[in-house]
């Protein structure tokens, strides 16, 4: 286990941006960099995906190519979309291909979006290191609101099927997306970390492969990076995984728990978790890595001393006190390159 110390400080300058789309000080130059993701008359399962124009984005400390709002679940079929980030080198040499990391945002399975501050910032950091990043939206649950007469609408297991569909999408259209299909990792934060773990751990579990798209492709990945994600849903918002229509709630909780799926075939896993996390308790991460050790799975567990939920991780944040991004890059270097 790595041991890091984080000293919490006021982060108003960062949090003021956290709920805004995009970032301040961005200069976008739209170039003729269309992804060849339209037409496909010979691929009816995809129907049509509209032509997507790429943009070279230059902002403080970052230069990258961005393709926004790719309809990875099919044109007009779902509102959830994905953003593809490519290293800026692609703008001068479109024949390059890249290892890819799929990013799954957090939000308690009920909120968040693909271009949230942390998801977008991590994507930019990874492009600097030569990775492509697919940051996805996925089906979100709707919480009950008695005052408005709204009943709870769970997203499980469709939220996981969306994540698996995104991995399969990367493999099926790797040539068009300029990525290397044998070098895919998945990462996520909080609820996104939970879905990242399940995506990586259940590729061959037929119980959790009953839905989604592109099922002629495998959803297996080379590695999983989990930032303070939930590993046992029995002890964290269990009600997110069943409703009055669920026949066997206990079965769903078992299937939705990453700990249930650890085996000797589990892909290499990195977890970074703060030991002062009051939202997702630190022992959720600790227990996962005890189990990974028991099954001789290659893994790394980084404890952030004093780190709360969502502790600052991006290097240019004034109050970032950890080298978590470098830890992530080292992990990816070992398993994707």
C-alpha atoms as a PDB file:
ATOM      1  CA  UNK A   1       0.000   0.000   0.000  1.00  0.00           C
ATOM      2  CA  UNK A   2       1.261   3.468  -0.808  1.00  0.00           C
ATOM      3  CA  UNK A   3       0.806   6.093   1.889  1.00  0.00           C
ATOM      4  CA  UNK A   4       0.210   9.743   1.009  1.00  0.00           C
ATOM      5  CA  UNK A   5      -0.709  12.743   3.141  1.00  0.00           C
ATOM      6  CA  UNK A   6      -3.279  15.309   2.109  1.00  0.00           C
ATOM      7  CA  UNK A   7      -3.857  18.538   4.010  1.00  0.00           C
ATOM      8  CA  UNK A   8      -7.403  19.775   3.337  1.00  0.00           C
ATOM      9  CA  UNK A   9      -7.635  23.452   2.400  1.00  0.00           C
ATOM     10  CA  UNK A  10     -10.305  25.787   1.093  1.00  0.00           C
ATOM     11  CA  UNK A  11     -10.874  25.073  -2.593  1.00  0.00           C
ATOM     12  CA  UNK A  12     -13.348  27.791  -3.605  1.00  0.00           C
ATOM     13  CA  UNK A  13     -11.408  28.564  -6.758  1.00  0.00           C
ATOM     14  CA  UNK A  14     -11.771  24.956  -7.884  1.00  0.00           C
ATOM     15  CA  UNK A  15     -15.279  24.257  -6.661  1.00  0.00           C
ATOM     16  CA  UNK A  16     -16.557  27.359  -8.430  1.00  0.00           C
ATOM     17  CA  UNK A  17     -15.864  25.556 -11.686  1.00  0.00           C
ATOM     18  CA  UNK A  18     -17.138  22.137 -10.678  1.00  0.00           C
ATOM     19  CA  UNK A  19     -20.715  22.582 -11.856  1.00  0.00           C
ATOM     20  CA  UNK A  20     -19.966  24.432 -15.060  1.00  0.00           C
ATOM     21  CA  UNK A  21     -19.714  22.849 -18.458  1.00  0.00           C
ATOM     22  CA  UNK A  22     -16.217  23.130 -19.844  1.00  0.00           C
ATOM     23  CA  UNK A  23     -13.571  25.343 -18.263  1.00  0.00           C
ATOM     24  CA  UNK A  24     -12.586  28.979 -18.278  1.00  0.00           C
ATOM     25  CA  UNK A  25      -9.987  30.312 -20.644  1.00  0.00           C
ATOM     26  CA  UNK A  26     -10.561  27.729 -23.352  1.00  0.00           C
ATOM     27  CA  UNK A  27      -9.675  28.416 -26.960  1.00  0.00           C
ATOM     28  CA  UNK A  28     -11.169  25.965 -29.433  1.00  0.00           C
ATOM     29  CA  UNK A  29     -10.119  25.724 -33.057  1.00  0.00           C
ATOM     30  CA  UNK A  30     -12.437  23.525 -35.125  1.00  0.00           C
ATOM     31  CA  UNK A  31     -10.463  21.635 -37.733  1.00  0.00           C
ATOM     32  CA  UNK A  32     -11.354  19.217 -40.480  1.00  0.00           C
ATOM     33  CA  UNK A  33     -10.886  16.188 -38.264  1.00  0.00           C
ATOM     34  CA  UNK A  34     -14.081  14.182 -38.794  1.00  0.00           C
ATOM     35  CA  UNK A  35     -14.259  10.744 -37.289  1.00  0.00           C
ATOM     36  CA  UNK A  36     -15.445   8.264 -39.905  1.00  0.00           C
ATOM     37  CA  UNK A  37     -18.457   7.302 -37.823  1.00  0.00           C
ATOM     38  CA  UNK A  38     -21.273   7.952 -40.255  1.00  0.00           C
ATOM     39  CA  UNK A  39     -22.883   5.916 -43.010  1.00  0.00           C
ATOM     40  CA  UNK A  40     -22.426   2.291 -41.979  1.00  0.00           C
ATOM     41  CA  UNK A  41     -25.272   1.044 -44.164  1.00  0.00           C
ATOM     42  CA  UNK A  42     -23.792  -2.430 -43.753  1.00  0.00           C
ATOM     43  CA  UNK A  43     -23.996  -2.245 -39.961  1.00  0.00           C
ATOM     44  CA  UNK A  44     -27.673  -2.017 -39.049  1.00  0.00           C
ATOM     45  CA  UNK A  45     -27.030  -2.436 -35.344  1.00  0.00           C
ATOM     46  CA  UNK A  46     -25.412   1.004 -35.391  1.00  0.00           C
ATOM     47  CA  UNK A  47     -27.878   2.495 -37.873  1.00  0.00           C
ATOM     48  CA  UNK A  48     -26.352   5.923 -38.447  1.00  0.00           C
ATOM     49  CA  UNK A  49     -23.986   7.873 -36.281  1.00  0.00           C
ATOM     50  CA  UNK A  50     -23.797  11.456 -37.325  1.00  0.00           C
ATOM     51  CA  UNK A  51     -20.521  12.902 -38.534  1.00  0.00           C
ATOM     52  CA  UNK A  52     -18.548  14.290 -35.615  1.00  0.00           C
ATOM     53  CA  UNK A  53     -16.140  17.183 -36.074  1.00  0.00           C
ATOM     54  CA  UNK A  54     -13.013  17.301 -33.963  1.00  0.00           C
ATOM     55  CA  UNK A  55     -11.626  20.400 -32.306  1.00  0.00           C
ATOM     56  CA  UNK A  56      -8.112  21.160 -31.158  1.00  0.00           C
ATOM     57  CA  UNK A  57      -8.454  22.670 -27.698  1.00  0.00           C
ATOM     58  CA  UNK A  58      -5.786  24.934 -26.255  1.00  0.00           C
ATOM     59  CA  UNK A  59      -6.166  25.952 -22.631  1.00  0.00           C
ATOM     60  CA  UNK A  60      -3.824  26.610 -19.756  1.00  0.00           C
ATOM     61  CA  UNK A  61      -1.544  23.610 -19.497  1.00  0.00           C
ATOM     62  CA  UNK A  62      -3.469  21.440 -21.951  1.00  0.00           C
ATOM     63  CA  UNK A  63      -3.562  20.828 -25.694  1.00  0.00           C
ATOM     64  CA  UNK A  64      -5.726  18.010 -27.011  1.00  0.00           C
ATOM     65  CA  UNK A  65      -8.204  16.975 -29.697  1.00  0.00           C
ATOM     66  CA  UNK A  66     -11.830  16.673 -28.602  1.00  0.00           C
ATOM     67  CA  UNK A  67     -14.796  14.968 -30.247  1.00  0.00           C
ATOM     68  CA  UNK A  68     -17.958  15.798 -28.300  1.00  0.00           C
ATOM     69  CA  UNK A  69     -21.289  14.006 -28.003  1.00  0.00           C
ATOM     70  CA  UNK A  70     -20.590  10.766 -29.842  1.00  0.00           C
ATOM     71  CA  UNK A  71     -23.786   8.710 -29.847  1.00  0.00           C
ATOM     72  CA  UNK A  72     -22.117   5.495 -28.802  1.00  0.00           C
ATOM     73  CA  UNK A  73     -25.457   3.827 -28.037  1.00  0.00           C
ATOM     74  CA  UNK A  74     -26.870   4.584 -31.509  1.00  0.00           C
ATOM     75  CA  UNK A  75     -28.216   7.700 -33.192  1.00  0.00           C
ATOM     76  CA  UNK A  76     -31.337   9.010 -31.524  1.00  0.00           C
ATOM     77  CA  UNK A  77     -31.807   5.874 -29.442  1.00  0.00           C
ATOM     78  CA  UNK A  78     -30.569   7.245 -26.120  1.00  0.00           C
ATOM     79  CA  UNK A  79     -29.735  10.670 -24.727  1.00  0.00           C
ATOM     80  CA  UNK A  80     -26.484   9.418 -23.166  1.00  0.00           C
ATOM     81  CA  UNK A  81     -23.402  10.273 -25.227  1.00  0.00           C
ATOM     82  CA  UNK A  82     -19.616  10.164 -24.964  1.00  0.00           C
ATOM     83  CA  UNK A  83     -16.709  12.544 -25.468  1.00  0.00           C
ATOM     84  CA  UNK A  84     -13.496  11.290 -27.064  1.00  0.00           C
ATOM     85  CA  UNK A  85     -10.216  12.972 -26.125  1.00  0.00           C
ATOM     86  CA  UNK A  86      -7.117  12.314 -28.229  1.00  0.00           C
ATOM     87  CA  UNK A  87      -3.547  13.557 -27.746  1.00  0.00           C
ATOM     88  CA  UNK A  88      -2.819  16.737 -29.696  1.00  0.00           C
ATOM     89  CA  UNK A  89      -0.370  14.787 -31.887  1.00  0.00           C
ATOM     90  CA  UNK A  90      -3.416  13.395 -33.699  1.00  0.00           C
ATOM     91  CA  UNK A  91      -4.019  16.829 -35.259  1.00  0.00           C
ATOM     92  CA  UNK A  92      -0.767  16.550 -37.219  1.00  0.00           C
ATOM     93  CA  UNK A  93      -0.774  12.798 -37.822  1.00  0.00           C
ATOM     94  CA  UNK A  94      -4.218  11.211 -38.117  1.00  0.00           C
ATOM     95  CA  UNK A  95      -2.682   7.779 -38.707  1.00  0.00           C
ATOM     96  CA  UNK A  96      -1.686   7.427 -35.070  1.00  0.00           C
ATOM     97  CA  UNK A  97      -3.472   5.079 -32.693  1.00  0.00           C
ATOM     98  CA  UNK A  98      -3.475   5.228 -28.913  1.00  0.00           C
ATOM     99  CA  UNK A  99      -4.076   3.097 -25.837  1.00  0.00           C
ATOM    100  CA  UNK A 100      -7.375   4.202 -24.347  1.00  0.00           C
ATOM    101  CA  UNK A 101      -8.893   4.760 -20.915  1.00  0.00           C
ATOM    102  CA  UNK A 102     -12.664   4.789 -20.502  1.00  0.00           C
ATOM    103  CA  UNK A 103     -13.741   7.275 -17.839  1.00  0.00           C
ATOM    104  CA  UNK A 104     -16.946   6.768 -15.794  1.00  0.00           C
ATOM    105  CA  UNK A 105     -18.065   9.792 -13.767  1.00  0.00           C
ATOM    106  CA  UNK A 106     -19.410   9.629 -10.228  1.00  0.00           C
ATOM    107  CA  UNK A 107     -22.618  11.039  -8.778  1.00  0.00           C
ATOM    108  CA  UNK A 108     -24.252   8.376  -6.624  1.00  0.00           C
ATOM    109  CA  UNK A 109     -25.642   6.596  -9.730  1.00  0.00           C
ATOM    110  CA  UNK A 110     -28.185   9.436  -9.908  1.00  0.00           C
ATOM    111  CA  UNK A 111     -26.178  12.465 -11.046  1.00  0.00           C
ATOM    112  CA  UNK A 112     -23.079  13.587 -12.868  1.00  0.00           C
ATOM    113  CA  UNK A 113     -22.101  13.858 -16.505  1.00  0.00           C
ATOM    114  CA  UNK A 114     -19.238  13.065 -18.821  1.00  0.00           C
ATOM    115  CA  UNK A 115     -17.749  16.573 -18.778  1.00  0.00           C
ATOM    116  CA  UNK A 116     -17.836  17.192 -15.037  1.00  0.00           C
ATOM    117  CA  UNK A 117     -14.730  18.973 -13.796  1.00  0.00           C
ATOM    118  CA  UNK A 118     -12.939  15.893 -12.460  1.00  0.00           C
ATOM    119  CA  UNK A 119     -13.809  13.600 -15.364  1.00  0.00           C
ATOM    120  CA  UNK A 120     -12.711  16.196 -17.915  1.00  0.00           C
ATOM    121  CA  UNK A 121      -9.569  17.139 -15.972  1.00  0.00           C
ATOM    122  CA  UNK A 122      -8.430  13.543 -15.679  1.00  0.00           C
ATOM    123  CA  UNK A 123      -9.038  13.058 -19.397  1.00  0.00           C
ATOM    124  CA  UNK A 124      -6.828  16.041 -20.198  1.00  0.00           C
ATOM    125  CA  UNK A 125      -4.069  14.790 -17.912  1.00  0.00           C
ATOM    126  CA  UNK A 126      -4.137  11.429 -19.657  1.00  0.00           C
ATOM    127  CA  UNK A 127      -3.951  12.915 -23.151  1.00  0.00           C
ATOM    128  CA  UNK A 128      -0.759  14.710 -22.091  1.00  0.00           C
ATOM    129  CA  UNK A 129       0.694  11.272 -21.375  1.00  0.00           C
ATOM    130  CA  UNK A 130      -0.315   9.853 -24.765  1.00  0.00           C
ATOM    131  CA  UNK A 131      -3.638   8.182 -23.974  1.00  0.00           C
ATOM    132  CA  UNK A 132      -6.993   8.493 -25.663  1.00  0.00           C
ATOM    133  CA  UNK A 133      -9.923   8.849 -23.253  1.00  0.00           C
ATOM    134  CA  UNK A 134     -13.596   8.057 -23.811  1.00  0.00           C
ATOM    135  CA  UNK A 135     -15.647   9.822 -21.122  1.00  0.00           C
ATOM    136  CA  UNK A 136     -19.204   8.503 -21.068  1.00  0.00           C
ATOM    137  CA  UNK A 137     -22.664   9.332 -19.856  1.00  0.00           C
ATOM    138  CA  UNK A 138     -24.725   6.343 -18.713  1.00  0.00           C
ATOM    139  CA  UNK A 139     -28.257   5.715 -17.493  1.00  0.00           C
ATOM    140  CA  UNK A 140     -28.941   7.435 -14.161  1.00  0.00           C
ATOM    141  CA  UNK A 141     -31.514   6.507 -11.560  1.00  0.00           C
ATOM    142  CA  UNK A 142     -34.260   8.889 -10.493  1.00  0.00           C
ATOM    143  CA  UNK A 143     -34.777   9.235  -6.783  1.00  0.00           C
ATOM    144  CA  UNK A 144     -38.269   9.287  -5.321  1.00  0.00           C
ATOM    145  CA  UNK A 145     -39.838  12.665  -4.585  1.00  0.00           C
ATOM    146  CA  UNK A 146     -43.088  12.309  -2.663  1.00  0.00           C
ATOM    147  CA  UNK A 147     -43.857  16.016  -2.942  1.00  0.00           C
ATOM    148  CA  UNK A 148     -43.718  15.845  -6.727  1.00  0.00           C
ATOM    149  CA  UNK A 149     -45.291  12.406  -6.938  1.00  0.00           C
ATOM    150  CA  UNK A 150     -42.168  10.903  -8.509  1.00  0.00           C
ATOM    151  CA  UNK A 151     -41.448   7.237  -7.892  1.00  0.00           C
ATOM    152  CA  UNK A 152     -37.944   5.878  -7.701  1.00  0.00           C
ATOM    153  CA  UNK A 153     -36.664   4.614 -11.040  1.00  0.00           C
ATOM    154  CA  UNK A 154     -33.576   2.466 -10.682  1.00  0.00           C
ATOM    155  CA  UNK A 155     -30.915   2.384 -13.391  1.00  0.00           C
ATOM    156  CA  UNK A 156     -29.479  -1.017 -12.485  1.00  0.00           C
ATOM    157  CA  UNK A 157     -28.383  -3.026 -14.406  1.00  0.00           C
ATOM    158  CA  UNK A 158     -28.730  -0.757 -17.459  1.00  0.00           C
ATOM    159  CA  UNK A 159     -26.051   1.580 -16.102  1.00  0.00           C
ATOM    160  CA  UNK A 160     -23.580  -1.314 -16.144  1.00  0.00           C
ATOM    161  CA  UNK A 161     -24.758  -2.438 -19.585  1.00  0.00           C
ATOM    162  CA  UNK A 162     -24.066   1.081 -20.879  1.00  0.00           C
ATOM    163  CA  UNK A 163     -20.511   0.921 -19.544  1.00  0.00           C
ATOM    164  CA  UNK A 164     -19.965  -2.461 -21.166  1.00  0.00           C
ATOM    165  CA  UNK A 165     -21.486  -1.184 -24.406  1.00  0.00           C
ATOM    166  CA  UNK A 166     -18.933   1.628 -24.396  1.00  0.00           C
ATOM    167  CA  UNK A 167     -16.037  -0.827 -24.064  1.00  0.00           C
ATOM    168  CA  UNK A 168     -17.442  -2.936 -26.895  1.00  0.00           C
ATOM    169  CA  UNK A 169     -17.964   0.218 -28.970  1.00  0.00           C
ATOM    170  CA  UNK A 170     -14.268   1.021 -28.568  1.00  0.00           C
ATOM    171  CA  UNK A 171     -13.339  -2.447 -29.782  1.00  0.00           C
ATOM    172  CA  UNK A 172     -15.818  -2.645 -32.637  1.00  0.00           C
ATOM    173  CA  UNK A 173     -14.838   0.743 -34.042  1.00  0.00           C
ATOM    174  CA  UNK A 174     -11.227   0.900 -32.895  1.00  0.00           C
ATOM    175  CA  UNK A 175      -9.939   1.725 -36.367  1.00  0.00           C
ATOM    176  CA  UNK A 176     -12.337   4.625 -36.802  1.00  0.00           C
ATOM    177  CA  UNK A 177     -11.687   5.876 -33.259  1.00  0.00           C
ATOM    178  CA  UNK A 178      -7.903   5.591 -33.660  1.00  0.00           C
ATOM    179  CA  UNK A 179      -7.470   3.517 -30.520  1.00  0.00           C
ATOM    180  CA  UNK A 180      -5.720   0.220 -29.764  1.00  0.00           C
ATOM    181  CA  UNK A 181      -8.413  -2.348 -28.864  1.00  0.00           C
ATOM    182  CA  UNK A 182      -6.046  -4.577 -26.913  1.00  0.00           C
ATOM    183  CA  UNK A 183      -5.019  -1.718 -24.648  1.00  0.00           C
ATOM    184  CA  UNK A 184      -8.163  -0.574 -22.867  1.00  0.00           C
ATOM    185  CA  UNK A 185      -8.432   0.361 -19.198  1.00  0.00           C
ATOM    186  CA  UNK A 186     -11.500   1.587 -17.354  1.00  0.00           C
ATOM    187  CA  UNK A 187     -11.522   4.070 -14.488  1.00  0.00           C
ATOM    188  CA  UNK A 188     -14.091   5.893 -12.403  1.00  0.00           C
ATOM    189  CA  UNK A 189     -14.677   7.923  -9.269  1.00  0.00           C
ATOM    190  CA  UNK A 190     -17.089   7.065  -6.435  1.00  0.00           C
ATOM    191  CA  UNK A 191     -20.186   5.530  -8.086  1.00  0.00           C
ATOM    192  CA  UNK A 192     -18.167   5.586 -11.307  1.00  0.00           C
ATOM    193  CA  UNK A 193     -15.447   3.598  -9.557  1.00  0.00           C
ATOM    194  CA  UNK A 194     -18.068   1.016  -8.618  1.00  0.00           C
ATOM    195  CA  UNK A 195     -19.185   0.704 -12.245  1.00  0.00           C
ATOM    196  CA  UNK A 196     -15.577   0.589 -13.437  1.00  0.00           C
ATOM    197  CA  UNK A 197     -14.872  -2.327 -11.101  1.00  0.00           C
ATOM    198  CA  UNK A 198     -17.974  -4.202 -12.233  1.00  0.00           C
ATOM    199  CA  UNK A 199     -17.152  -3.540 -15.890  1.00  0.00           C
ATOM    200  CA  UNK A 200     -13.680  -4.974 -15.442  1.00  0.00           C
ATOM    201  CA  UNK A 201     -14.649  -7.860 -13.192  1.00  0.00           C
ATOM    202  CA  UNK A 202     -17.723  -9.281 -14.972  1.00  0.00           C
ATOM    203  CA  UNK A 203     -16.800  -9.415 -18.662  1.00  0.00           C
ATOM    204  CA  UNK A 204     -17.421 -13.178 -18.749  1.00  0.00           C
ATOM    205  CA  UNK A 205     -20.329 -13.329 -16.292  1.00  0.00           C
ATOM    206  CA  UNK A 206     -23.439 -14.182 -18.290  1.00  0.00           C
ATOM    207  CA  UNK A 207     -25.664 -13.006 -15.453  1.00  0.00           C
ATOM    208  CA  UNK A 208     -24.450  -9.471 -16.163  1.00  0.00           C
ATOM    209  CA  UNK A 209     -24.249  -9.709 -19.940  1.00  0.00           C
ATOM    210  CA  UNK A 210     -27.959  -9.865 -20.699  1.00  0.00           C
ATOM    211  CA  UNK A 211     -28.185  -6.401 -22.235  1.00  0.00           C
ATOM    212  CA  UNK A 212     -26.260  -3.692 -24.010  1.00  0.00           C
ATOM    213  CA  UNK A 213     -25.014  -3.223 -27.562  1.00  0.00           C
ATOM    214  CA  UNK A 214     -22.259  -4.694 -29.759  1.00  0.00           C
ATOM    215  CA  UNK A 215     -22.420  -8.040 -27.995  1.00  0.00           C
ATOM    216  CA  UNK A 216     -20.329  -9.650 -30.715  1.00  0.00           C
ATOM    217  CA  UNK A 217     -17.439  -7.958 -28.898  1.00  0.00           C
ATOM    218  CA  UNK A 218     -15.989  -8.726 -25.469  1.00  0.00           C
ATOM    219  CA  UNK A 219     -16.171  -6.103 -22.720  1.00  0.00           C
ATOM    220  CA  UNK A 220     -12.917  -7.327 -21.152  1.00  0.00           C
ATOM    221  CA  UNK A 221     -10.318  -4.714 -20.233  1.00  0.00           C
ATOM    222  CA  UNK A 222      -6.625  -4.798 -19.390  1.00  0.00           C
ATOM    223  CA  UNK A 223      -6.822  -2.881 -16.109  1.00  0.00           C
ATOM    224  CA  UNK A 224      -9.148  -1.035 -13.710  1.00  0.00           C
ATOM    225  CA  UNK A 225      -8.485   2.205 -11.815  1.00  0.00           C
ATOM    226  CA  UNK A 226     -10.861   2.886  -8.935  1.00  0.00           C
ATOM    227  CA  UNK A 227     -10.942   6.245  -7.184  1.00  0.00           C
ATOM    228  CA  UNK A 228     -12.791   5.862  -3.855  1.00  0.00           C
ATOM    229  CA  UNK A 229     -15.470   3.658  -5.409  1.00  0.00           C
ATOM    230  CA  UNK A 230     -18.091   1.512  -3.697  1.00  0.00           C
ATOM    231  CA  UNK A 231     -17.091  -2.142  -3.450  1.00  0.00           C
ATOM    232  CA  UNK A 232     -19.971  -3.527  -1.356  1.00  0.00           C
ATOM    233  CA  UNK A 233     -23.438  -2.131  -2.076  1.00  0.00           C
ATOM    234  CA  UNK A 234     -24.959  -4.067   0.820  1.00  0.00           C
ATOM    235  CA  UNK A 235     -23.461  -1.353   3.010  1.00  0.00           C
ATOM    236  CA  UNK A 236     -23.915   1.692   0.778  1.00  0.00           C
ATOM    237  CA  UNK A 237     -27.218   2.873  -0.732  1.00  0.00           C
ATOM    238  CA  UNK A 238     -28.493  -0.633  -1.327  1.00  0.00           C
ATOM    239  CA  UNK A 239     -31.872   0.790  -2.325  1.00  0.00           C
ATOM    240  CA  UNK A 240     -30.299   1.995  -5.583  1.00  0.00           C
ATOM    241  CA  UNK A 241     -30.405  -1.560  -6.960  1.00  0.00           C
ATOM    242  CA  UNK A 242     -33.972  -2.711  -6.443  1.00  0.00           C
ATOM    243  CA  UNK A 243     -37.533  -1.431  -6.410  1.00  0.00           C
ATOM    244  CA  UNK A 244     -41.009  -2.838  -5.824  1.00  0.00           C
ATOM    245  CA  UNK A 245     -40.761  -4.824  -9.070  1.00  0.00           C
ATOM    246  CA  UNK A 246     -37.537  -6.597  -8.128  1.00  0.00           C
ATOM    247  CA  UNK A 247     -38.175 -10.302  -7.568  1.00  0.00           C
ATOM    248  CA  UNK A 248     -35.021 -11.039  -5.577  1.00  0.00           C
ATOM    249  CA  UNK A 249     -33.381  -7.927  -4.067  1.00  0.00           C
ATOM    250  CA  UNK A 250     -30.650  -9.913  -2.311  1.00  0.00           C
ATOM    251  CA  UNK A 251     -29.569 -11.443  -5.620  1.00  0.00           C
ATOM    252  CA  UNK A 252     -29.309  -7.998  -7.208  1.00  0.00           C
ATOM    253  CA  UNK A 253     -27.223  -6.690  -4.313  1.00  0.00           C
ATOM    254  CA  UNK A 254     -24.893  -9.668  -4.647  1.00  0.00           C
ATOM    255  CA  UNK A 255     -24.495  -9.132  -8.398  1.00  0.00           C
ATOM    256  CA  UNK A 256     -23.994  -5.373  -7.965  1.00  0.00           C
ATOM    257  CA  UNK A 257     -21.199  -5.847  -5.415  1.00  0.00           C
ATOM    258  CA  UNK A 258     -17.691  -5.876  -6.953  1.00  0.00           C
ATOM    259  CA  UNK A 259     -16.401  -7.995  -4.057  1.00  0.00           C
ATOM    260  CA  UNK A 260     -18.675 -10.802  -5.279  1.00  0.00           C
ATOM    261  CA  UNK A 261     -16.770 -11.102  -8.547  1.00  0.00           C
ATOM    262  CA  UNK A 262     -13.121 -11.163  -7.471  1.00  0.00           C
ATOM    263  CA  UNK A 263     -11.260 -14.210  -8.770  1.00  0.00           C
ATOM    264  CA  UNK A 264      -7.815 -15.192  -9.978  1.00  0.00           C
ATOM    265  CA  UNK A 265      -8.849 -13.877 -13.420  1.00  0.00           C
ATOM    266  CA  UNK A 266      -9.647 -10.372 -12.169  1.00  0.00           C
ATOM    267  CA  UNK A 267      -7.687  -7.696 -14.097  1.00  0.00           C
ATOM    268  CA  UNK A 268      -4.980  -5.628 -12.365  1.00  0.00           C
ATOM    269  CA  UNK A 269      -6.591  -3.027 -10.120  1.00  0.00           C
ATOM    270  CA  UNK A 270      -5.536   0.319  -8.660  1.00  0.00           C
ATOM    271  CA  UNK A 271      -7.531   1.938  -5.851  1.00  0.00           C
ATOM    272  CA  UNK A 272      -6.882   5.400  -4.424  1.00  0.00           C
ATOM    273  CA  UNK A 273      -8.961   6.192  -1.326  1.00  0.00           C
ATOM    274  CA  UNK A 274      -8.862   8.794   1.448  1.00  0.00           C
ATOM    275  CA  UNK A 275      -8.903   7.469   5.003  1.00  0.00           C
ATOM    276  CA  UNK A 276     -11.119  10.378   6.148  1.00  0.00           C
ATOM    277  CA  UNK A 277     -13.786   9.697   3.525  1.00  0.00           C
ATOM    278  CA  UNK A 278     -17.186  10.106   5.221  1.00  0.00           C
ATOM    279  CA  UNK A 279     -19.170   9.331   2.053  1.00  0.00           C
ATOM    280  CA  UNK A 280     -17.650   6.051   0.896  1.00  0.00           C
ATOM    281  CA  UNK A 281     -15.835   4.613   3.928  1.00  0.00           C
ATOM    282  CA  UNK A 282     -12.144   3.820   3.539  1.00  0.00           C
ATOM    283  CA  UNK A 283     -12.716   0.179   4.463  1.00  0.00           C
ATOM    284  CA  UNK A 284     -14.647  -0.310   1.214  1.00  0.00           C
ATOM    285  CA  UNK A 285     -11.359   0.032  -0.667  1.00  0.00           C
ATOM    286  CA  UNK A 286      -9.303  -1.790   1.959  1.00  0.00           C
ATOM    287  CA  UNK A 287     -11.531  -4.869   1.884  1.00  0.00           C
ATOM    288  CA  UNK A 288     -11.342  -5.061  -1.909  1.00  0.00           C
ATOM    289  CA  UNK A 289      -7.571  -5.178  -1.877  1.00  0.00           C
ATOM    290  CA  UNK A 290      -7.447  -7.741   0.907  1.00  0.00           C
ATOM    291  CA  UNK A 291      -9.588  -9.938  -1.333  1.00  0.00           C
ATOM    292  CA  UNK A 292      -7.452  -9.228  -4.403  1.00  0.00           C
ATOM    293  CA  UNK A 293      -4.371 -10.261  -2.432  1.00  0.00           C
ATOM    294  CA  UNK A 294      -6.110 -13.468  -1.348  1.00  0.00           C
ATOM    295  CA  UNK A 295      -6.676 -14.330  -5.024  1.00  0.00           C
ATOM    296  CA  UNK A 296      -3.132 -13.298  -6.052  1.00  0.00           C
ATOM    297  CA  UNK A 297      -4.449 -10.526  -8.311  1.00  0.00           C
ATOM    298  CA  UNK A 298      -1.957  -7.811  -9.196  1.00  0.00           C
ATOM    299  CA  UNK A 299      -3.152  -4.702  -7.379  1.00  0.00           C
ATOM    300  CA  UNK A 300      -2.117  -1.437  -5.804  1.00  0.00           C
ATOM    301  CA  UNK A 301      -3.887   0.301  -2.932  1.00  0.00           C
ATOM    302  CA  UNK A 302      -3.033   3.922  -2.158  1.00  0.00           C
ATOM    303  CA  UNK A 303      -4.202   5.364   1.146  1.00  0.00           C
ATOM    304  CA  UNK A 304      -4.517   9.149   1.194  1.00  0.00           C
ATOM    305  CA  UNK A 305      -3.891  10.216   4.795  1.00  0.00           C
ATOM    306  CA  UNK A 306      -6.568  12.755   5.747  1.00  0.00           C
ATOM    307  CA  UNK A 307      -8.198  12.547   2.326  1.00  0.00           C
ATOM    308  CA  UNK A 308     -11.938  13.153   2.245  1.00  0.00           C
ATOM    309  CA  UNK A 309     -14.356  12.141  -0.506  1.00  0.00           C
ATOM    310  CA  UNK A 310     -13.307  13.803  -3.750  1.00  0.00           C
ATOM    311  CA  UNK A 311      -9.993  15.076  -2.399  1.00  0.00           C
ATOM    312  CA  UNK A 312      -8.074  17.328  -4.853  1.00  0.00           C
ATOM    313  CA  UNK A 313      -6.217  15.159  -7.337  1.00  0.00           C
ATOM    314  CA  UNK A 314      -5.351  17.357 -10.340  1.00  0.00           C
ATOM    315  CA  UNK A 315      -1.718  18.573 -10.126  1.00  0.00           C
ATOM    316  CA  UNK A 316      -2.407  22.229 -10.972  1.00  0.00           C
ATOM    317  CA  UNK A 317      -4.983  22.593  -8.199  1.00  0.00           C
ATOM    318  CA  UNK A 318      -3.440  24.868  -5.591  1.00  0.00           C
ATOM    319  CA  UNK A 319      -4.439  22.571  -2.744  1.00  0.00           C
ATOM    320  CA  UNK A 320      -3.516  19.266  -4.388  1.00  0.00           C
ATOM    321  CA  UNK A 321      -1.230  17.538  -1.891  1.00  0.00           C
ATOM    322  CA  UNK A 322      -0.875  14.122  -3.523  1.00  0.00           C
ATOM    323  CA  UNK A 323       0.804  12.582  -6.546  1.00  0.00           C
ATOM    324  CA  UNK A 324      -2.274  10.517  -7.357  1.00  0.00           C
ATOM    325  CA  UNK A 325      -2.272  11.387 -11.063  1.00  0.00           C
ATOM    326  CA  UNK A 326       1.336  10.220 -11.364  1.00  0.00           C
ATOM    327  CA  UNK A 327       0.380   7.031  -9.515  1.00  0.00           C
ATOM    328  CA  UNK A 328      -2.418   6.526 -12.045  1.00  0.00           C
ATOM    329  CA  UNK A 329      -0.050   7.158 -14.958  1.00  0.00           C
ATOM    330  CA  UNK A 330       2.516   4.704 -13.579  1.00  0.00           C
ATOM    331  CA  UNK A 331      -0.204   2.065 -13.206  1.00  0.00           C
ATOM    332  CA  UNK A 332      -1.410   2.600 -16.775  1.00  0.00           C
ATOM    333  CA  UNK A 333       2.161   2.546 -18.063  1.00  0.00           C
ATOM    334  CA  UNK A 334       2.611  -0.896 -16.537  1.00  0.00           C
ATOM    335  CA  UNK A 335      -0.581  -2.348 -17.980  1.00  0.00           C
ATOM    336  CA  UNK A 336      -1.369  -0.525 -21.241  1.00  0.00           C
ATOM    337  CA  UNK A 337       1.945   0.375 -22.847  1.00  0.00           C
END
